[in-house]
Amino acid sequence: MENCTLAIHIAQKDWEVDQWRDILTHTLGMSHMQIEELLASGDRFGRGVVAGLVEVGETWCCSDNVPEEDLRKLEKAAVLTGLTEKHLTQLSNPRWLKQPLYARGHKDIWTVDIPVQLLPSV
């Protein structure tokens, strides 16, 4: 999947655990207000929609011999903890669609056709 564009789908349901909130608070140092603003920003398109695009880069496996300081930097960038032996993929150039595209979600990866008029300006 390297060197391609991936559409971002906003699910109908929230994550069942609140680990993400701990990561935003403790790892990224976000305040309660900043987290609420972030959630509102993502919810502006609603749920069950394709809302944005990202470019997919290199994927690699995070080995167990990564120095602790480098591992913390990776966890901060990934907004995820416990990266050892997990595959990580570099994402770049995030952007919102002009309008949401309502689409039923699926497990894993699926194909979606996005009308050209919804694509962000270059």
PDB file of N, CA and C in Angstrom:
ATOM      1  N   MET A   1       0.812  -1.204   0.000  1.00  0.00           N
ATOM      2  CA  MET A   1       0.000   0.000   0.000  1.00  0.00           C
ATOM      3  C   MET A   1       0.850   1.261   0.000  1.00  0.00           C
ATOM      4  N   GLU A   2       2.142   1.127  -0.035  1.00  0.00           N
ATOM      5  CA  GLU A   2       3.011   2.294   0.021  1.00  0.00           C
ATOM      6  C   GLU A   2       2.814   3.168  -1.215  1.00  0.00           C
ATOM      7  N   ASN A   3       2.948   4.476  -1.028  1.00  0.00           N
ATOM      8  CA  ASN A   3       2.834   5.472  -2.097  1.00  0.00           C
ATOM      9  C   ASN A   3       1.445   5.492  -2.729  1.00  0.00           C
ATOM     10  N   CYS A   4       0.423   5.498  -1.907  1.00  0.00           N
ATOM     11  CA  CYS A   4      -0.944   5.621  -2.400  1.00  0.00           C
ATOM     12  C   CYS A   4      -1.729   6.525  -1.452  1.00  0.00           C
ATOM     13  N   THR A   5      -2.958   6.842  -1.831  1.00  0.00           N
ATOM     14  CA  THR A   5      -3.826   7.683  -1.009  1.00  0.00           C
ATOM     15  C   THR A   5      -4.854   6.801  -0.319  1.00  0.00           C
ATOM     16  N   LEU A   6      -5.085   7.087   0.957  1.00  0.00           N
ATOM     17  CA  LEU A   6      -6.029   6.322   1.763  1.00  0.00           C
ATOM     18  C   LEU A   6      -7.128   7.256   2.250  1.00  0.00           C
ATOM     19  N   ALA A   7      -8.390   6.835   2.108  1.00  0.00           N
ATOM     20  CA  ALA A   7      -9.518   7.621   2.613  1.00  0.00           C
ATOM     21  C   ALA A   7      -9.708   7.311   4.095  1.00  0.00           C
ATOM     22  N   ILE A   8     -10.070   8.324   4.872  1.00  0.00           N
ATOM     23  CA  ILE A   8     -10.284   8.169   6.307  1.00  0.00           C
ATOM     24  C   ILE A   8     -11.782   8.123   6.592  1.00  0.00           C
ATOM     25  N   HIS A   9     -12.233   7.027   7.217  1.00  0.00           N
ATOM     26  CA  HIS A   9     -13.645   6.821   7.543  1.00  0.00           C
ATOM     27  C   HIS A   9     -13.859   7.082   9.031  1.00  0.00           C
ATOM     28  N   ILE A  10     -14.878   7.836   9.370  1.00  0.00           N
ATOM     29  CA  ILE A  10     -15.237   8.085  10.768  1.00  0.00           C
ATOM     30  C   ILE A  10     -16.327   7.086  11.142  1.00  0.00           C
ATOM     31  N   ALA A  11     -16.022   6.242  12.103  1.00  0.00           N
ATOM     32  CA  ALA A  11     -16.912   5.145  12.489  1.00  0.00           C
ATOM     33  C   ALA A  11     -18.174   5.645  13.189  1.00  0.00           C
ATOM     34  N   GLN A  12     -19.170   4.783  13.240  1.00  0.00           N
ATOM     35  CA  GLN A  12     -20.416   5.086  13.943  1.00  0.00           C
ATOM     36  C   GLN A  12     -20.214   5.042  15.452  1.00  0.00           C
ATOM     37  N   LYS A  13     -19.369   4.114  15.912  1.00  0.00           N
ATOM     38  CA  LYS A  13     -19.180   3.910  17.348  1.00  0.00           C
ATOM     39  C   LYS A  13     -17.807   4.396  17.787  1.00  0.00           C
ATOM     40  N   ASP A  14     -17.732   4.856  19.028  1.00  0.00           N
ATOM     41  CA  ASP A  14     -16.453   5.229  19.625  1.00  0.00           C
ATOM     42  C   ASP A  14     -15.689   3.974  20.014  1.00  0.00           C
ATOM     43  N   TRP A  15     -14.390   4.139  20.273  1.00  0.00           N
ATOM     44  CA  TRP A  15     -13.606   3.043  20.822  1.00  0.00           C
ATOM     45  C   TRP A  15     -14.220   2.636  22.146  1.00  0.00           C
ATOM     46  N   GLU A  16     -14.122   1.362  22.464  1.00  0.00           N
ATOM     47  CA  GLU A  16     -14.721   0.862  23.701  1.00  0.00           C
ATOM     48  C   GLU A  16     -13.894   1.193  24.931  1.00  0.00           C
ATOM     49  N   VAL A  17     -12.619   1.479  24.765  1.00  0.00           N
ATOM     50  CA  VAL A  17     -11.756   1.828  25.902  1.00  0.00           C
ATOM     51  C   VAL A  17     -11.301   3.276  25.751  1.00  0.00           C
ATOM     52  N   ASP A  18     -10.944   3.884  26.861  1.00  0.00           N
ATOM     53  CA  ASP A  18     -10.541   5.291  26.855  1.00  0.00           C
ATOM     54  C   ASP A  18      -9.031   5.484  26.843  1.00  0.00           C
ATOM     55  N   GLN A  19      -8.281   4.485  26.395  1.00  0.00           N
ATOM     56  CA  GLN A  19      -6.823   4.591  26.360  1.00  0.00           C
ATOM     57  C   GLN A  19      -6.376   5.783  25.513  1.00  0.00           C
ATOM     58  N   TRP A  20      -7.100   6.082  24.447  1.00  0.00           N
ATOM     59  CA  TRP A  20      -6.742   7.193  23.571  1.00  0.00           C
ATOM     60  C   TRP A  20      -6.731   8.509  24.340  1.00  0.00           C
ATOM     61  N   ARG A  21      -7.662   8.663  25.288  1.00  0.00           N
ATOM     62  CA  ARG A  21      -7.736   9.901  26.068  1.00  0.00           C
ATOM     63  C   ARG A  21      -6.496  10.052  26.958  1.00  0.00           C
ATOM     64  N   ASP A  22      -6.035   8.944  27.529  1.00  0.00           N
ATOM     65  CA  ASP A  22      -4.811   8.971  28.339  1.00  0.00           C
ATOM     66  C   ASP A  22      -3.606   9.364  27.489  1.00  0.00           C
ATOM     67  N   ILE A  23      -3.551   8.840  26.274  1.00  0.00           N
ATOM     68  CA  ILE A  23      -2.431   9.168  25.387  1.00  0.00           C
ATOM     69  C   ILE A  23      -2.449  10.650  25.039  1.00  0.00           C
ATOM     70  N   LEU A  24      -3.622  11.184  24.701  1.00  0.00           N
ATOM     71  CA  LEU A  24      -3.708  12.611  24.369  1.00  0.00           C
ATOM     72  C   LEU A  24      -3.335  13.475  25.565  1.00  0.00           C
ATOM     73  N   THR A  25      -3.764  13.068  26.755  1.00  0.00           N
ATOM     74  CA  THR A  25      -3.502  13.850  27.964  1.00  0.00           C
ATOM     75  C   THR A  25      -2.055  13.732  28.421  1.00  0.00           C
ATOM     76  N   HIS A  26      -1.581  12.510  28.602  1.00  0.00           N
ATOM     77  CA  HIS A  26      -0.264  12.301  29.203  1.00  0.00           C
ATOM     78  C   HIS A  26       0.875  12.337  28.192  1.00  0.00           C
ATOM     79  N   THR A  27       0.716  11.676  27.053  1.00  0.00           N
ATOM     80  CA  THR A  27       1.799  11.616  26.077  1.00  0.00           C
ATOM     81  C   THR A  27       1.917  12.912  25.290  1.00  0.00           C
ATOM     82  N   LEU A  28       0.777  13.446  24.855  1.00  0.00           N
ATOM     83  CA  LEU A  28       0.803  14.663  24.038  1.00  0.00           C
ATOM     84  C   LEU A  28       0.600  15.932  24.847  1.00  0.00           C
ATOM     85  N   GLY A  29       0.223  15.795  26.120  1.00  0.00           N
ATOM     86  CA  GLY A  29       0.072  16.962  26.986  1.00  0.00           C
ATOM     87  C   GLY A  29      -1.118  17.846  26.656  1.00  0.00           C
ATOM     88  N   MET A  30      -2.167  17.264  26.069  1.00  0.00           N
ATOM     89  CA  MET A  30      -3.344  18.059  25.713  1.00  0.00           C
ATOM     90  C   MET A  30      -4.232  18.274  26.937  1.00  0.00           C
ATOM     91  N   SER A  31      -4.848  19.441  27.008  1.00  0.00           N
ATOM     92  CA  SER A  31      -5.787  19.742  28.086  1.00  0.00           C
ATOM     93  C   SER A  31      -7.158  19.154  27.741  1.00  0.00           C
ATOM     94  N   HIS A  32      -8.046  19.116  28.735  1.00  0.00           N
ATOM     95  CA  HIS A  32      -9.414  18.635  28.513  1.00  0.00           C
ATOM     96  C   HIS A  32     -10.090  19.456  27.411  1.00  0.00           C
ATOM     97  N   MET A  33      -9.894  20.779  27.438  1.00  0.00           N
ATOM     98  CA  MET A  33     -10.503  21.656  26.434  1.00  0.00           C
ATOM     99  C   MET A  33      -9.963  21.351  25.032  1.00  0.00           C
ATOM    100  N   GLN A  34      -8.664  21.125  24.912  1.00  0.00           N
ATOM    101  CA  GLN A  34      -8.076  20.803  23.609  1.00  0.00           C
ATOM    102  C   GLN A  34      -8.623  19.483  23.069  1.00  0.00           C
ATOM    103  N   ILE A  35      -8.811  18.515  23.943  1.00  0.00           N
ATOM    104  CA  ILE A  35      -9.364  17.229  23.520  1.00  0.00           C
ATOM    105  C   ILE A  35     -10.802  17.405  23.044  1.00  0.00           C
ATOM    106  N   GLU A  36     -11.592  18.183  23.766  1.00  0.00           N
ATOM    107  CA  GLU A  36     -12.977  18.430  23.356  1.00  0.00           C
ATOM    108  C   GLU A  36     -13.031  19.147  22.009  1.00  0.00           C
ATOM    109  N   GLU A  37     -12.136  20.107  21.789  1.00  0.00           N
ATOM    110  CA  GLU A  37     -12.075  20.814  20.504  1.00  0.00           C
ATOM    111  C   GLU A  37     -11.691  19.856  19.377  1.00  0.00           C
ATOM    112  N   LEU A  38     -10.753  18.954  19.655  1.00  0.00           N
ATOM    113  CA  LEU A  38     -10.344  17.958  18.668  1.00  0.00           C
ATOM    114  C   LEU A  38     -11.515  17.047  18.304  1.00  0.00           C
ATOM    115  N   LEU A  39     -12.247  16.582  19.305  1.00  0.00           N
ATOM    116  CA  LEU A  39     -13.406  15.722  19.058  1.00  0.00           C
ATOM    117  C   LEU A  39     -14.479  16.450  18.252  1.00  0.00           C
ATOM    118  N   ALA A  40     -14.733  17.709  18.597  1.00  0.00           N
ATOM    119  CA  ALA A  40     -15.733  18.499  17.863  1.00  0.00           C
ATOM    120  C   ALA A  40     -15.302  18.692  16.415  1.00  0.00           C
ATOM    121  N   SER A  41     -14.014  18.911  16.194  1.00  0.00           N
ATOM    122  CA  SER A  41     -13.497  19.086  14.841  1.00  0.00           C
ATOM    123  C   SER A  41     -13.744  17.838  14.003  1.00  0.00           C
ATOM    124  N   GLY A  42     -13.482  16.667  14.579  1.00  0.00           N
ATOM    125  CA  GLY A  42     -13.699  15.418  13.862  1.00  0.00           C
ATOM    126  C   GLY A  42     -15.163  15.096  13.665  1.00  0.00           C
ATOM    127  N   ASP A  43     -16.010  15.506  14.595  1.00  0.00           N
ATOM    128  CA  ASP A  43     -17.446  15.215  14.516  1.00  0.00           C
ATOM    129  C   ASP A  43     -18.208  16.172  13.607  1.00  0.00           C
ATOM    130  N   ARG A  44     -17.559  17.195  13.103  1.00  0.00           N
ATOM    131  CA  ARG A  44     -18.285  18.174  12.282  1.00  0.00           C
ATOM    132  C   ARG A  44     -18.883  17.550  11.027  1.00  0.00           C
ATOM    133  N   PHE A  45     -18.310  16.446  10.562  1.00  0.00           N
ATOM    134  CA  PHE A  45     -18.840  15.757   9.392  1.00  0.00           C
ATOM    135  C   PHE A  45     -19.843  14.679   9.766  1.00  0.00           C
ATOM    136  N   GLY A  46     -19.955  14.371  11.047  1.00  0.00           N
ATOM    137  CA  GLY A  46     -20.857  13.318  11.482  1.00  0.00           C
ATOM    138  C   GLY A  46     -20.158  11.975  11.532  1.00  0.00           C
ATOM    139  N   ARG A  47     -20.954  10.936  11.670  1.00  0.00           N
ATOM    140  CA  ARG A  47     -20.431   9.572  11.786  1.00  0.00           C
ATOM    141  C   ARG A  47     -20.836   8.762  10.566  1.00  0.00           C
ATOM    142  N   GLY A  48     -20.082   7.704  10.308  1.00  0.00           N
ATOM    143  CA  GLY A  48     -20.391   6.837   9.169  1.00  0.00           C
ATOM    144  C   GLY A  48     -20.083   7.497   7.846  1.00  0.00           C
ATOM    145  N   VAL A  49     -19.005   8.287   7.818  1.00  0.00           N
ATOM    146  CA  VAL A  49     -18.657   9.015   6.599  1.00  0.00           C
ATOM    147  C   VAL A  49     -17.163   8.889   6.300  1.00  0.00           C
ATOM    148  N   VAL A  50     -16.832   9.013   5.022  1.00  0.00           N
ATOM    149  CA  VAL A  50     -15.452   9.235   4.617  1.00  0.00           C
ATOM    150  C   VAL A  50     -15.262  10.740   4.703  1.00  0.00           C
ATOM    151  N   ALA A  51     -14.284  11.174   5.490  1.00  0.00           N
ATOM    152  CA  ALA A  51     -14.133  12.603   5.769  1.00  0.00           C
ATOM    153  C   ALA A  51     -12.831  13.196   5.268  1.00  0.00           C
ATOM    154  N   GLY A  52     -11.844  12.376   4.985  1.00  0.00           N
ATOM    155  CA  GLY A  52     -10.554  12.931   4.601  1.00  0.00           C
ATOM    156  C   GLY A  52      -9.680  11.935   3.879  1.00  0.00           C
ATOM    157  N   LEU A  53      -8.488  12.403   3.548  1.00  0.00           N
ATOM    158  CA  LEU A  53      -7.508  11.608   2.821  1.00  0.00           C
ATOM    159  C   LEU A  53      -6.140  11.759   3.466  1.00  0.00           C
ATOM    160  N   VAL A  54      -5.307  10.731   3.356  1.00  0.00           N
ATOM    161  CA  VAL A  54      -3.902  10.795   3.772  1.00  0.00           C
ATOM    162  C   VAL A  54      -3.063  10.033   2.747  1.00  0.00           C
ATOM    163  N   GLU A  55      -1.789  10.374   2.679  1.00  0.00           N
ATOM    164  CA  GLU A  55      -0.850   9.653   1.826  1.00  0.00           C
ATOM    165  C   GLU A  55      -0.175   8.574   2.665  1.00  0.00           C
ATOM    166  N   VAL A  56      -0.017   7.395   2.096  1.00  0.00           N
ATOM    167  CA  VAL A  56       0.575   6.257   2.795  1.00  0.00           C
ATOM    168  C   VAL A  56       2.041   6.130   2.398  1.00  0.00           C
ATOM    169  N   GLY A  57       2.891   6.044   3.412  1.00  0.00           N
ATOM    170  CA  GLY A  57       4.322   5.892   3.176  1.00  0.00           C
ATOM    171  C   GLY A  57       4.805   4.505   3.559  1.00  0.00           C
ATOM    172  N   GLU A  58       6.033   4.458   4.036  1.00  0.00           N
ATOM    173  CA  GLU A  58       6.707   3.210   4.377  1.00  0.00           C
ATOM    174  C   GLU A  58       6.072   2.536   5.597  1.00  0.00           C
ATOM    175  N   THR A  59       6.056   1.208   5.586  1.00  0.00           N
ATOM    176  CA  THR A  59       5.616   0.410   6.732  1.00  0.00           C
ATOM    177  C   THR A  59       6.804  -0.396   7.242  1.00  0.00           C
ATOM    178  N   TRP A  60       6.963  -0.455   8.548  1.00  0.00           N
ATOM    179  CA  TRP A  60       8.051  -1.231   9.144  1.00  0.00           C
ATOM    180  C   TRP A  60       7.580  -1.825  10.461  1.00  0.00           C
ATOM    181  N   CYS A  61       8.289  -2.838  10.916  1.00  0.00           N
ATOM    182  CA  CYS A  61       7.984  -3.475  12.196  1.00  0.00           C
ATOM    183  C   CYS A  61       8.867  -2.851  13.267  1.00  0.00           C
ATOM    184  N   CYS A  62       8.257  -2.408  14.339  1.00  0.00           N
ATOM    185  CA  CYS A  62       8.978  -1.789  15.453  1.00  0.00           C
ATOM    186  C   CYS A  62       9.597  -2.905  16.297  1.00  0.00           C
ATOM    187  N   SER A  63      10.895  -3.062  16.203  1.00  0.00           N
ATOM    188  CA  SER A  63      11.580  -4.152  16.904  1.00  0.00           C
ATOM    189  C   SER A  63      11.677  -3.883  18.401  1.00  0.00           C
ATOM    190  N   ASP A  64      12.022  -4.912  19.135  1.00  0.00           N
ATOM    191  CA  ASP A  64      12.118  -4.773  20.589  1.00  0.00           C
ATOM    192  C   ASP A  64      13.448  -4.177  21.045  1.00  0.00           C
ATOM    193  N   ASN A  65      14.343  -3.851  20.104  1.00  0.00           N
ATOM    194  CA  ASN A  65      15.619  -3.248  20.493  1.00  0.00           C
ATOM    195  C   ASN A  65      15.701  -1.750  20.167  1.00  0.00           C
ATOM    196  N   VAL A  66      14.548  -1.115  19.960  1.00  0.00           N
ATOM    197  CA  VAL A  66      14.518   0.333  19.728  1.00  0.00           C
ATOM    198  C   VAL A  66      14.842   1.027  21.054  1.00  0.00           C
ATOM    199  N   PRO A  67      15.790   1.972  21.048  1.00  0.00           N
ATOM    200  CA  PRO A  67      16.109   2.691  22.290  1.00  0.00           C
ATOM    201  C   PRO A  67      14.856   3.344  22.891  1.00  0.00           C
ATOM    202  N   GLU A  68      14.791   3.371  24.212  1.00  0.00           N
ATOM    203  CA  GLU A  68      13.610   3.868  24.937  1.00  0.00           C
ATOM    204  C   GLU A  68      13.197   5.267  24.487  1.00  0.00           C
ATOM    205  N   GLU A  69      14.163   6.168  24.315  1.00  0.00           N
ATOM    206  CA  GLU A  69      13.846   7.540  23.902  1.00  0.00           C
ATOM    207  C   GLU A  69      13.217   7.558  22.509  1.00  0.00           C
ATOM    208  N   ASP A  70      13.749   6.751  21.594  1.00  0.00           N
ATOM    209  CA  ASP A  70      13.182   6.669  20.246  1.00  0.00           C
ATOM    210  C   ASP A  70      11.787   6.055  20.277  1.00  0.00           C
ATOM    211  N   LEU A  71      11.590   5.063  21.147  1.00  0.00           N
ATOM    212  CA  LEU A  71      10.276   4.428  21.279  1.00  0.00           C
ATOM    213  C   LEU A  71       9.238   5.439  21.763  1.00  0.00           C
ATOM    214  N   ARG A  72       9.591   6.287  22.712  1.00  0.00           N
ATOM    215  CA  ARG A  72       8.669   7.325  23.214  1.00  0.00           C
ATOM    216  C   ARG A  72       8.301   8.300  22.090  1.00  0.00           C
ATOM    217  N   LYS A  73       9.281   8.660  21.258  1.00  0.00           N
ATOM    218  CA  LYS A  73       9.008   9.558  20.123  1.00  0.00           C
ATOM    219  C   LYS A  73       8.050   8.898  19.135  1.00  0.00           C
ATOM    220  N   LEU A  74       8.265   7.614  18.869  1.00  0.00           N
ATOM    221  CA  LEU A  74       7.373   6.881  17.968  1.00  0.00           C
ATOM    222  C   LEU A  74       5.963   6.785  18.541  1.00  0.00           C
ATOM    223  N   GLU A  75       5.857   6.513  19.851  1.00  0.00           N
ATOM    224  CA  GLU A  75       4.542   6.433  20.491  1.00  0.00           C
ATOM    225  C   GLU A  75       3.816   7.768  20.418  1.00  0.00           C
ATOM    226  N   LYS A  76       4.551   8.844  20.582  1.00  0.00           N
ATOM    227  CA  LYS A  76       3.937  10.172  20.500  1.00  0.00           C
ATOM    228  C   LYS A  76       3.445  10.438  19.077  1.00  0.00           C
ATOM    229  N   ALA A  77       4.259  10.093  18.084  1.00  0.00           N
ATOM    230  CA  ALA A  77       3.867  10.296  16.685  1.00  0.00           C
ATOM    231  C   ALA A  77       2.692   9.407  16.291  1.00  0.00           C
ATOM    232  N   ALA A  78       2.666   8.176  16.811  1.00  0.00           N
ATOM    233  CA  ALA A  78       1.610   7.222  16.467  1.00  0.00           C
ATOM    234  C   ALA A  78       0.351   7.415  17.300  1.00  0.00           C
ATOM    235  N   VAL A  79       0.446   8.189  18.389  1.00  0.00           N
ATOM    236  CA  VAL A  79      -0.644   8.352  19.356  1.00  0.00           C
ATOM    237  C   VAL A  79      -1.129   6.963  19.787  1.00  0.00           C
ATOM    238  N   LEU A  80      -0.145   6.133  20.157  1.00  0.00           N
ATOM    239  CA  LEU A  80      -0.407   4.749  20.528  1.00  0.00           C
ATOM    240  C   LEU A  80       0.742   4.260  21.402  1.00  0.00           C
ATOM    241  N   THR A  81       0.443   3.418  22.363  1.00  0.00           N
ATOM    242  CA  THR A  81       1.493   2.855  23.215  1.00  0.00           C
ATOM    243  C   THR A  81       1.690   1.375  22.892  1.00  0.00           C
ATOM    244  N   GLY A  82       2.762   0.804  23.418  1.00  0.00           N
ATOM    245  CA  GLY A  82       3.016  -0.620  23.210  1.00  0.00           C
ATOM    246  C   GLY A  82       3.319  -0.957  21.763  1.00  0.00           C
ATOM    247  N   LEU A  83       4.255  -0.245  21.151  1.00  0.00           N
ATOM    248  CA  LEU A  83       4.523  -0.409  19.721  1.00  0.00           C
ATOM    249  C   LEU A  83       5.430  -1.583  19.377  1.00  0.00           C
ATOM    250  N   THR A  84       6.102  -2.149  20.376  1.00  0.00           N
ATOM    251  CA  THR A  84       7.044  -3.230  20.108  1.00  0.00           C
ATOM    252  C   THR A  84       6.364  -4.378  19.367  1.00  0.00           C
ATOM    253  N   GLU A  85       7.010  -4.799  18.274  1.00  0.00           N
ATOM    254  CA  GLU A  85       6.543  -5.885  17.405  1.00  0.00           C
ATOM    255  C   GLU A  85       5.262  -5.539  16.643  1.00  0.00           C
ATOM    256  N   LYS A  86       4.894  -4.265  16.608  1.00  0.00           N
ATOM    257  CA  LYS A  86       3.746  -3.842  15.800  1.00  0.00           C
ATOM    258  C   LYS A  86       4.261  -3.221  14.506  1.00  0.00           C
ATOM    259  N   HIS A  87       3.456  -3.325  13.464  1.00  0.00           N
ATOM    260  CA  HIS A  87       3.800  -2.697  12.195  1.00  0.00           C
ATOM    261  C   HIS A  87       3.307  -1.255  12.211  1.00  0.00           C
ATOM    262  N   LEU A  88       4.176  -0.338  11.830  1.00  0.00           N
ATOM    263  CA  LEU A  88       3.870   1.092  11.803  1.00  0.00           C
ATOM    264  C   LEU A  88       3.947   1.581  10.367  1.00  0.00           C
ATOM    265  N   THR A  89       3.034   2.465   9.992  1.00  0.00           N
ATOM    266  CA  THR A  89       3.016   3.026   8.645  1.00  0.00           C
ATOM    267  C   THR A  89       3.053   4.535   8.732  1.00  0.00           C
ATOM    268  N   GLN A  90       3.952   5.133   7.972  1.00  0.00           N
ATOM    269  CA  GLN A  90       4.072   6.592   7.919  1.00  0.00           C
ATOM    270  C   GLN A  90       2.904   7.157   7.110  1.00  0.00           C
ATOM    271  N   LEU A  91       2.144   8.087   7.699  1.00  0.00           N
ATOM    272  CA  LEU A  91       1.057   8.780   7.004  1.00  0.00           C
ATOM    273  C   LEU A  91       1.424  10.248   6.900  1.00  0.00           C
ATOM    274  N   SER A  92       1.053  10.884   5.781  1.00  0.00           N
ATOM    275  CA  SER A  92       1.368  12.300   5.602  1.00  0.00           C
ATOM    276  C   SER A  92       0.263  12.993   4.814  1.00  0.00           C
ATOM    277  N   ASN A  93       0.362  14.297   4.741  1.00  0.00           N
ATOM    278  CA  ASN A  93      -0.550  15.141   3.962  1.00  0.00           C
ATOM    279  C   ASN A  93      -2.030  14.901   4.292  1.00  0.00           C
ATOM    280  N   PRO A  94      -2.413  14.984   5.572  1.00  0.00           N
ATOM    281  CA  PRO A  94      -3.834  14.809   5.904  1.00  0.00           C
ATOM    282  C   PRO A  94      -4.651  16.004   5.409  1.00  0.00           C
ATOM    283  N   ARG A  95      -5.835  15.723   4.886  1.00  0.00           N
ATOM    284  CA  ARG A  95      -6.709  16.805   4.422  1.00  0.00           C
ATOM    285  C   ARG A  95      -8.163  16.345   4.449  1.00  0.00           C
ATOM    286  N   TRP A  96      -9.051  17.326   4.706  1.00  0.00           N
ATOM    287  CA  TRP A  96     -10.489  17.065   4.753  1.00  0.00           C
ATOM    288  C   TRP A  96     -11.067  17.079   3.345  1.00  0.00           C
ATOM    289  N   LEU A  97     -12.099  16.279   3.108  1.00  0.00           N
ATOM    290  CA  LEU A  97     -12.892  16.407   1.889  1.00  0.00           C
ATOM    291  C   LEU A  97     -13.695  17.700   1.989  1.00  0.00           C
ATOM    292  N   LYS A  98     -14.167  18.208   0.862  1.00  0.00           N
ATOM    293  CA  LYS A  98     -14.990  19.425   0.881  1.00  0.00           C
ATOM    294  C   LYS A  98     -16.309  19.171   1.600  1.00  0.00           C
ATOM    295  N   GLN A  99     -16.826  17.967   1.473  1.00  0.00           N
ATOM    296  CA  GLN A  99     -18.047  17.539   2.159  1.00  0.00           C
ATOM    297  C   GLN A  99     -17.880  16.061   2.503  1.00  0.00           C
ATOM    298  N   PRO A 100     -18.585  15.578   3.510  1.00  0.00           N
ATOM    299  CA  PRO A 100     -18.466  14.153   3.838  1.00  0.00           C
ATOM    300  C   PRO A 100     -19.130  13.280   2.783  1.00  0.00           C
ATOM    301  N   LEU A 101     -18.633  12.073   2.661  1.00  0.00           N
ATOM    302  CA  LEU A 101     -19.223  11.077   1.777  1.00  0.00           C
ATOM    303  C   LEU A 101     -19.778   9.968   2.666  1.00  0.00           C
ATOM    304  N   TYR A 102     -21.083   9.836   2.710  1.00  0.00           N
ATOM    305  CA  TYR A 102     -21.691   8.815   3.554  1.00  0.00           C
ATOM    306  C   TYR A 102     -21.360   7.438   2.993  1.00  0.00           C
ATOM    307  N   ALA A 103     -20.798   6.599   3.846  1.00  0.00           N
ATOM    308  CA  ALA A 103     -20.371   5.265   3.419  1.00  0.00           C
ATOM    309  C   ALA A 103     -20.396   4.326   4.614  1.00  0.00           C
ATOM    310  N   ARG A 104     -20.965   3.170   4.411  1.00  0.00           N
ATOM    311  CA  ARG A 104     -20.982   2.163   5.472  1.00  0.00           C
ATOM    312  C   ARG A 104     -19.565   1.627   5.649  1.00  0.00           C
ATOM    313  N   GLY A 105     -19.145   1.539   6.893  1.00  0.00           N
ATOM    314  CA  GLY A 105     -17.811   1.025   7.181  1.00  0.00           C
ATOM    315  C   GLY A 105     -17.729  -0.481   7.019  1.00  0.00           C
ATOM    316  N   HIS A 106     -16.529  -0.960   6.870  1.00  0.00           N
ATOM    317  CA  HIS A 106     -16.252  -2.383   6.751  1.00  0.00           C
ATOM    318  C   HIS A 106     -15.040  -2.702   7.611  1.00  0.00           C
ATOM    319  N   LYS A 107     -14.834  -3.965   7.891  1.00  0.00           N
ATOM    320  CA  LYS A 107     -13.620  -4.371   8.593  1.00  0.00           C
ATOM    321  C   LYS A 107     -12.444  -4.232   7.642  1.00  0.00           C
ATOM    322  N   ASP A 108     -11.314  -3.881   8.183  1.00  0.00           N
ATOM    323  CA  ASP A 108     -10.076  -3.805   7.424  1.00  0.00           C
ATOM    324  C   ASP A 108     -10.139  -2.703   6.360  1.00  0.00           C
ATOM    325  N   ILE A 109      -9.654  -2.992   5.167  1.00  0.00           N
ATOM    326  CA  ILE A 109      -9.562  -1.986   4.101  1.00  0.00           C
ATOM    327  C   ILE A 109     -10.549  -2.338   2.997  1.00  0.00           C
ATOM    328  N   TRP A 110     -11.205  -1.325   2.450  1.00  0.00           N
ATOM    329  CA  TRP A 110     -12.126  -1.526   1.344  1.00  0.00           C
ATOM    330  C   TRP A 110     -11.975  -0.366   0.369  1.00  0.00           C
ATOM    331  N   THR A 111     -12.593  -0.507  -0.794  1.00  0.00           N
ATOM    332  CA  THR A 111     -12.505   0.504  -1.845  1.00  0.00           C
ATOM    333  C   THR A 111     -13.729   1.401  -1.803  1.00  0.00           C
ATOM    334  N   VAL A 112     -13.507   2.690  -2.006  1.00  0.00           N
ATOM    335  CA  VAL A 112     -14.606   3.651  -2.056  1.00  0.00           C
ATOM    336  C   VAL A 112     -14.336   4.627  -3.203  1.00  0.00           C
ATOM    337  N   ASP A 113     -15.378   4.936  -3.962  1.00  0.00           N
ATOM    338  CA  ASP A 113     -15.262   5.922  -5.038  1.00  0.00           C
ATOM    339  C   ASP A 113     -15.686   7.276  -4.498  1.00  0.00           C
ATOM    340  N   ILE A 114     -14.791   8.245  -4.566  1.00  0.00           N
ATOM    341  CA  ILE A 114     -15.069   9.591  -4.071  1.00  0.00           C
ATOM    342  C   ILE A 114     -15.313  10.499  -5.270  1.00  0.00           C
ATOM    343  N   PRO A 115     -16.494  11.111  -5.358  1.00  0.00           N
ATOM    344  CA  PRO A 115     -16.765  12.030  -6.468  1.00  0.00           C
ATOM    345  C   PRO A 115     -15.735  13.161  -6.501  1.00  0.00           C
ATOM    346  N   VAL A 116     -15.302  13.514  -7.684  1.00  0.00           N
ATOM    347  CA  VAL A 116     -14.243  14.512  -7.851  1.00  0.00           C
ATOM    348  C   VAL A 116     -14.595  15.847  -7.197  1.00  0.00           C
ATOM    349  N   GLN A 117     -15.880  16.217  -7.167  1.00  0.00           N
ATOM    350  CA  GLN A 117     -16.275  17.501  -6.582  1.00  0.00           C
ATOM    351  C   GLN A 117     -16.087  17.540  -5.062  1.00  0.00           C
ATOM    352  N   LEU A 118     -15.899  16.384  -4.429  1.00  0.00           N
ATOM    353  CA  LEU A 118     -15.660  16.346  -2.982  1.00  0.00           C
ATOM    354  C   LEU A 118     -14.174  16.414  -2.629  1.00  0.00           C
ATOM    355  N   LEU A 119     -13.317  16.202  -3.615  1.00  0.00           N
ATOM    356  CA  LEU A 119     -11.879  16.196  -3.356  1.00  0.00           C
ATOM    357  C   LEU A 119     -11.387  17.591  -2.989  1.00  0.00           C
ATOM    358  N   PRO A 120     -10.456  17.666  -2.032  1.00  0.00           N
ATOM    359  CA  PRO A 120      -9.917  18.974  -1.643  1.00  0.00           C
ATOM    360  C   PRO A 120      -9.123  19.592  -2.788  1.00  0.00           C
ATOM    361  N   SER A 121      -9.049  20.902  -2.795  1.00  0.00           N
ATOM    362  CA  SER A 121      -8.262  21.604  -3.810  1.00  0.00           C
ATOM    363  C   SER A 121      -6.789  21.291  -3.612  1.00  0.00           C
ATOM    364  N   VAL A 122      -6.066  21.286  -4.693  1.00  0.00           N
ATOM    365  CA  VAL A 122      -4.635  20.973  -4.618  1.00  0.00           C
ATOM    366  C   VAL A 122      -3.828  22.178  -4.227  1.00  0.00           C
TER     367      VAL A 122
END
